PDB file of N, CA and C in Angstrom:
ATOM      1  N   MET A   1      30.909  27.354 -42.875  1.00  0.00           N
ATOM      2  CA  MET A   1      31.253  28.605 -42.259  1.00  0.00           C
ATOM      3  C   MET A   1      31.822  29.523 -43.342  1.00  0.00           C
ATOM      4  N   GLU A   2      31.402  30.758 -43.337  1.00  0.00           N
ATOM      5  CA  GLU A   2      31.928  31.712 -44.299  1.00  0.00           C
ATOM      6  C   GLU A   2      33.404  31.937 -44.041  1.00  0.00           C
ATOM      7  N   SER A   3      34.151  32.181 -45.095  1.00  0.00           N
ATOM      8  CA  SER A   3      35.597  32.319 -44.909  1.00  0.00           C
ATOM      9  C   SER A   3      35.959  33.588 -44.137  1.00  0.00           C
ATOM     10  N   GLY A   4      35.214  34.667 -44.314  1.00  0.00           N
ATOM     11  CA  GLY A   4      35.517  35.908 -43.598  1.00  0.00           C
ATOM     12  C   GLY A   4      35.357  35.765 -42.103  1.00  0.00           C
ATOM     13  N   SER A   5      34.270  35.159 -41.681  1.00  0.00           N
ATOM     14  CA  SER A   5      34.062  34.986 -40.240  1.00  0.00           C
ATOM     15  C   SER A   5      34.996  33.925 -39.666  1.00  0.00           C
ATOM     16  N   ALA A   6      35.362  32.921 -40.465  1.00  0.00           N
ATOM     17  CA  ALA A   6      36.315  31.907 -39.995  1.00  0.00           C
ATOM     18  C   ALA A   6      37.687  32.522 -39.805  1.00  0.00           C
ATOM     19  N   ILE A   7      38.077  33.401 -40.707  1.00  0.00           N
ATOM     20  CA  ILE A   7      39.369  34.073 -40.571  1.00  0.00           C
ATOM     21  C   ILE A   7      39.373  34.971 -39.344  1.00  0.00           C
ATOM     22  N   PHE A   8      38.309  35.743 -39.167  1.00  0.00           N
ATOM     23  CA  PHE A   8      38.224  36.639 -38.007  1.00  0.00           C
ATOM     24  C   PHE A   8      38.269  35.853 -36.703  1.00  0.00           C
ATOM     25  N   ALA A   9      37.454  34.812 -36.590  1.00  0.00           N
ATOM     26  CA  ALA A   9      37.418  34.006 -35.364  1.00  0.00           C
ATOM     27  C   ALA A   9      38.766  33.328 -35.129  1.00  0.00           C
ATOM     28  N   GLY A  10      39.387  32.826 -36.193  1.00  0.00           N
ATOM     29  CA  GLY A  10      40.690  32.181 -36.055  1.00  0.00           C
ATOM     30  C   GLY A  10      41.751  33.137 -35.547  1.00  0.00           C
ATOM     31  N   VAL A  11      41.741  34.366 -36.077  1.00  0.00           N
ATOM     32  CA  VAL A  11      42.713  35.365 -35.636  1.00  0.00           C
ATOM     33  C   VAL A  11      42.478  35.739 -34.179  1.00  0.00           C
ATOM     34  N   VAL A  12      41.226  35.928 -33.802  1.00  0.00           N
ATOM     35  CA  VAL A  12      40.910  36.295 -32.417  1.00  0.00           C
ATOM     36  C   VAL A  12      41.342  35.194 -31.458  1.00  0.00           C
ATOM     37  N   PHE A  13      40.992  33.955 -31.760  1.00  0.00           N
ATOM     38  CA  PHE A  13      41.380  32.842 -30.891  1.00  0.00           C
ATOM     39  C   PHE A  13      42.894  32.686 -30.828  1.00  0.00           C
ATOM     40  N   ALA A  14      43.570  32.808 -31.972  1.00  0.00           N
ATOM     41  CA  ALA A  14      45.027  32.648 -32.000  1.00  0.00           C
ATOM     42  C   ALA A  14      45.717  33.763 -31.221  1.00  0.00           C
ATOM     43  N   LEU A  15      45.276  35.000 -31.373  1.00  0.00           N
ATOM     44  CA  LEU A  15      45.878  36.103 -30.634  1.00  0.00           C
ATOM     45  C   LEU A  15      45.641  35.973 -29.130  1.00  0.00           C
ATOM     46  N   PHE A  16      44.427  35.613 -28.753  1.00  0.00           N
ATOM     47  CA  PHE A  16      44.128  35.441 -27.334  1.00  0.00           C
ATOM     48  C   PHE A  16      44.939  34.300 -26.741  1.00  0.00           C
ATOM     49  N   GLY A  17      44.947  33.160 -27.401  1.00  0.00           N
ATOM     50  CA  GLY A  17      45.689  32.003 -26.894  1.00  0.00           C
ATOM     51  C   GLY A  17      47.176  32.262 -26.819  1.00  0.00           C
ATOM     52  N   GLY A  18      47.729  32.868 -27.861  1.00  0.00           N
ATOM     53  CA  GLY A  18      49.156  33.177 -27.852  1.00  0.00           C
ATOM     54  C   GLY A  18      49.515  34.193 -26.787  1.00  0.00           C
ATOM     55  N   GLY A  19      48.693  35.216 -26.645  1.00  0.00           N
ATOM     56  CA  GLY A  19      48.939  36.231 -25.627  1.00  0.00           C
ATOM     57  C   GLY A  19      48.837  35.673 -24.218  1.00  0.00           C
ATOM     58  N   LEU A  20      47.834  34.854 -23.976  1.00  0.00           N
ATOM     59  CA  LEU A  20      47.665  34.255 -22.655  1.00  0.00           C
ATOM     60  C   LEU A  20      48.803  33.302 -22.326  1.00  0.00           C
ATOM     61  N   LEU A  21      49.225  32.530 -23.314  1.00  0.00           N
ATOM     62  CA  LEU A  21      50.337  31.606 -23.087  1.00  0.00           C
ATOM     63  C   LEU A  21      51.635  32.362 -22.829  1.00  0.00           C
ATOM     64  N   LEU A  22      51.884  33.416 -23.578  1.00  0.00           N
ATOM     65  CA  LEU A  22      53.076  34.240 -23.374  1.00  0.00           C
ATOM     66  C   LEU A  22      53.051  34.910 -22.003  1.00  0.00           C
ATOM     67  N   TRP A  23      51.907  35.475 -21.630  1.00  0.00           N
ATOM     68  CA  TRP A  23      51.766  36.152 -20.344  1.00  0.00           C
ATOM     69  C   TRP A  23      51.973  35.169 -19.190  1.00  0.00           C
ATOM     70  N   THR A  24      51.394  33.987 -19.298  1.00  0.00           N
ATOM     71  CA  THR A  24      51.538  32.971 -18.255  1.00  0.00           C
ATOM     72  C   THR A  24      52.998  32.552 -18.117  1.00  0.00           C
ATOM     73  N   THR A  25      53.668  32.363 -19.239  1.00  0.00           N
ATOM     74  CA  THR A  25      55.077  31.962 -19.214  1.00  0.00           C
ATOM     75  C   THR A  25      55.938  33.038 -18.568  1.00  0.00           C
ATOM     76  N   VAL A  26      55.714  34.290 -18.917  1.00  0.00           N
ATOM     77  CA  VAL A  26      56.502  35.384 -18.349  1.00  0.00           C
ATOM     78  C   VAL A  26      56.267  35.480 -16.846  1.00  0.00           C
ATOM     79  N   ARG A  27      55.014  35.372 -16.415  1.00  0.00           N
ATOM     80  CA  ARG A  27      54.715  35.451 -14.978  1.00  0.00           C
ATOM     81  C   ARG A  27      55.390  34.310 -14.214  1.00  0.00           C
ATOM     82  N   LEU A  28      55.369  33.113 -14.777  1.00  0.00           N
ATOM     83  CA  LEU A  28      55.988  31.972 -14.096  1.00  0.00           C
ATOM     84  C   LEU A  28      57.501  32.117 -14.037  1.00  0.00           C
ATOM     85  N   ARG A  29      58.125  32.593 -15.114  1.00  0.00           N
ATOM     86  CA  ARG A  29      59.582  32.762 -15.131  1.00  0.00           C
ATOM     87  C   ARG A  29      60.038  33.832 -14.138  1.00  0.00           C
ATOM     88  N   GLN A  30      59.201  34.833 -13.920  1.00  0.00           N
ATOM     89  CA  GLN A  30      59.539  35.892 -12.976  1.00  0.00           C
ATOM     90  C   GLN A  30      59.202  35.512 -11.537  1.00  0.00           C
ATOM     91  N   GLY A  31      58.538  34.385 -11.354  1.00  0.00           N
ATOM     92  CA  GLY A  31      58.161  33.943 -10.019  1.00  0.00           C
ATOM     93  C   GLY A  31      56.968  34.685  -9.452  1.00  0.00           C
ATOM     94  N   LEU A  32      56.205  35.333 -10.314  1.00  0.00           N
ATOM     95  CA  LEU A  32      55.020  36.081  -9.887  1.00  0.00           C
ATOM     96  C   LEU A  32      53.784  35.210 -10.017  1.00  0.00           C
ATOM     97  N   PRO A  33      52.744  35.487  -9.233  1.00  0.00           N
ATOM     98  CA  PRO A  33      51.525  34.682  -9.339  1.00  0.00           C
ATOM     99  C   PRO A  33      50.786  34.948 -10.653  1.00  0.00           C
ATOM    100  N   VAL A  34      50.188  33.926 -11.181  1.00  0.00           N
ATOM    101  CA  VAL A  34      49.382  34.063 -12.401  1.00  0.00           C
ATOM    102  C   VAL A  34      48.027  34.671 -12.048  1.00  0.00           C
ATOM    103  N   ALA A  35      47.463  34.265 -10.927  1.00  0.00           N
ATOM    104  CA  ALA A  35      46.211  34.827 -10.426  1.00  0.00           C
ATOM    105  C   ALA A  35      46.334  34.991  -8.917  1.00  0.00           C
ATOM    106  N   HIS A  36      45.863  36.097  -8.402  1.00  0.00           N
ATOM    107  CA  HIS A  36      45.953  36.356  -6.968  1.00  0.00           C
ATOM    108  C   HIS A  36      44.871  35.590  -6.213  1.00  0.00           C
ATOM    109  N   GLY A  37      45.245  35.009  -5.105  1.00  0.00           N
ATOM    110  CA  GLY A  37      44.296  34.310  -4.256  1.00  0.00           C
ATOM    111  C   GLY A  37      44.023  32.870  -4.670  1.00  0.00           C
ATOM    112  N   VAL A  38      44.798  32.365  -5.606  1.00  0.00           N
ATOM    113  CA  VAL A  38      44.616  30.996  -6.087  1.00  0.00           C
ATOM    114  C   VAL A  38      45.963  30.298  -5.977  1.00  0.00           C
ATOM    115  N   ARG A  39      45.945  28.996  -5.758  1.00  0.00           N
ATOM    116  CA  ARG A  39      47.202  28.254  -5.685  1.00  0.00           C
ATOM    117  C   ARG A  39      47.989  28.440  -6.989  1.00  0.00           C
ATOM    118  N   PRO A  40      49.292  28.675  -6.915  1.00  0.00           N
ATOM    119  CA  PRO A  40      50.092  28.958  -8.113  1.00  0.00           C
ATOM    120  C   PRO A  40      50.043  27.858  -9.174  1.00  0.00           C
ATOM    121  N   VAL A  41      50.114  26.610  -8.739  1.00  0.00           N
ATOM    122  CA  VAL A  41      50.090  25.513  -9.713  1.00  0.00           C
ATOM    123  C   VAL A  41      48.726  25.436 -10.395  1.00  0.00           C
ATOM    124  N   MET A  42      47.668  25.629  -9.620  1.00  0.00           N
ATOM    125  CA  MET A  42      46.317  25.566 -10.172  1.00  0.00           C
ATOM    126  C   MET A  42      46.082  26.684 -11.189  1.00  0.00           C
ATOM    127  N   SER A  43      46.490  27.896 -10.854  1.00  0.00           N
ATOM    128  CA  SER A  43      46.247  29.023 -11.757  1.00  0.00           C
ATOM    129  C   SER A  43      47.085  28.908 -13.022  1.00  0.00           C
ATOM    130  N   ALA A  44      48.333  28.452 -12.898  1.00  0.00           N
ATOM    131  CA  ALA A  44      49.186  28.289 -14.075  1.00  0.00           C
ATOM    132  C   ALA A  44      48.649  27.184 -14.982  1.00  0.00           C
ATOM    133  N   THR A  45      48.178  26.100 -14.389  1.00  0.00           N
ATOM    134  CA  THR A  45      47.624  24.993 -15.172  1.00  0.00           C
ATOM    135  C   THR A  45      46.361  25.424 -15.898  1.00  0.00           C
ATOM    136  N   LEU A  46      45.467  26.091 -15.198  1.00  0.00           N
ATOM    137  CA  LEU A  46      44.215  26.526 -15.814  1.00  0.00           C
ATOM    138  C   LEU A  46      44.460  27.540 -16.933  1.00  0.00           C
ATOM    139  N   ALA A  47      45.368  28.480 -16.710  1.00  0.00           N
ATOM    140  CA  ALA A  47      45.679  29.470 -17.741  1.00  0.00           C
ATOM    141  C   ALA A  47      46.325  28.804 -18.953  1.00  0.00           C
ATOM    142  N   SER A  48      47.182  27.837 -18.733  1.00  0.00           N
ATOM    143  CA  SER A  48      47.831  27.138 -19.844  1.00  0.00           C
ATOM    144  C   SER A  48      46.830  26.310 -20.643  1.00  0.00           C
ATOM    145  N   VAL A  49      45.927  25.643 -19.950  1.00  0.00           N
ATOM    146  CA  VAL A  49      44.904  24.848 -20.639  1.00  0.00           C
ATOM    147  C   VAL A  49      43.986  25.752 -21.458  1.00  0.00           C
ATOM    148  N   ALA A  50      43.605  26.885 -20.902  1.00  0.00           N
ATOM    149  CA  ALA A  50      42.754  27.829 -21.640  1.00  0.00           C
ATOM    150  C   ALA A  50      43.480  28.377 -22.864  1.00  0.00           C
ATOM    151  N   ALA A  51      44.772  28.658 -22.735  1.00  0.00           N
ATOM    152  CA  ALA A  51      45.550  29.178 -23.854  1.00  0.00           C
ATOM    153  C   ALA A  51      45.677  28.146 -24.967  1.00  0.00           C
ATOM    154  N   VAL A  52      45.970  26.919 -24.607  1.00  0.00           N
ATOM    155  CA  VAL A  52      46.100  25.863 -25.618  1.00  0.00           C
ATOM    156  C   VAL A  52      44.751  25.589 -26.275  1.00  0.00           C
ATOM    157  N   ALA A  53      43.672  25.620 -25.506  1.00  0.00           N
ATOM    158  CA  ALA A  53      42.336  25.416 -26.075  1.00  0.00           C
ATOM    159  C   ALA A  53      42.001  26.526 -27.076  1.00  0.00           C
ATOM    160  N   ALA A  54      42.348  27.770 -26.751  1.00  0.00           N
ATOM    161  CA  ALA A  54      42.099  28.877 -27.672  1.00  0.00           C
ATOM    162  C   ALA A  54      42.931  28.726 -28.939  1.00  0.00           C
ATOM    163  N   LEU A  55      44.181  28.299 -28.799  1.00  0.00           N
ATOM    164  CA  LEU A  55      45.014  28.074 -29.984  1.00  0.00           C
ATOM    165  C   LEU A  55      44.461  26.946 -30.857  1.00  0.00           C
ATOM    166  N   LEU A  56      43.963  25.898 -30.228  1.00  0.00           N
ATOM    167  CA  LEU A  56      43.359  24.808 -30.995  1.00  0.00           C
ATOM    168  C   LEU A  56      42.079  25.253 -31.700  1.00  0.00           C
ATOM    169  N   LEU A  57      41.275  26.062 -31.026  1.00  0.00           N
ATOM    170  CA  LEU A  57      40.074  26.595 -31.676  1.00  0.00           C
ATOM    171  C   LEU A  57      40.435  27.490 -32.855  1.00  0.00           C
ATOM    172  N   GLY A  58      41.482  28.283 -32.706  1.00  0.00           N
ATOM    173  CA  GLY A  58      41.950  29.112 -33.808  1.00  0.00           C
ATOM    174  C   GLY A  58      42.402  28.268 -34.987  1.00  0.00           C
ATOM    175  N   ALA A  59      43.150  27.207 -34.713  1.00  0.00           N
ATOM    176  CA  ALA A  59      43.597  26.308 -35.777  1.00  0.00           C
ATOM    177  C   ALA A  59      42.412  25.634 -36.452  1.00  0.00           C
ATOM    178  N   TRP A  60      41.419  25.250 -35.666  1.00  0.00           N
ATOM    179  CA  TRP A  60      40.229  24.628 -36.248  1.00  0.00           C
ATOM    180  C   TRP A  60      39.484  25.607 -37.157  1.00  0.00           C
ATOM    181  N   CYS A  61      39.383  26.868 -36.736  1.00  0.00           N
ATOM    182  CA  CYS A  61      38.725  27.880 -37.561  1.00  0.00           C
ATOM    183  C   CYS A  61      39.477  28.080 -38.878  1.00  0.00           C
ATOM    184  N   PHE A  62      40.808  28.103 -38.820  1.00  0.00           N
ATOM    185  CA  PHE A  62      41.587  28.250 -40.043  1.00  0.00           C
ATOM    186  C   PHE A  62      41.449  27.031 -40.935  1.00  0.00           C
ATOM    187  N   ALA A  63      41.246  25.857 -40.352  1.00  0.00           N
ATOM    188  CA  ALA A  63      41.078  24.636 -41.143  1.00  0.00           C
ATOM    189  C   ALA A  63      39.728  24.624 -41.864  1.00  0.00           C
ATOM    190  N   GLN A  64      38.773  25.428 -41.416  1.00  0.00           N
ATOM    191  CA  GLN A  64      37.441  25.451 -42.033  1.00  0.00           C
ATOM    192  C   GLN A  64      37.383  26.331 -43.276  1.00  0.00           C
ATOM    193  N   ILE A  65      38.454  27.043 -43.562  1.00  0.00           N
ATOM    194  CA  ILE A  65      38.450  27.981 -44.704  1.00  0.00           C
ATOM    195  C   ILE A  65      38.455  27.216 -46.009  1.00  0.00           C
TER     196      ILE A  65
END
């Protein structure tokens, strides 16, 4: 993988994962739903798993440099 595209992809994944994890945490601490029309535990779990997966993909992209 070229280093330029690996850096770009890593930054995008890291920003998305970090932002989603932060947003999910803030919504849960405020007692607000993470997603409307979905069970609160299910939506928080799915959002957290997606955020951690994005952070792991970002770390993997940075490891390819």
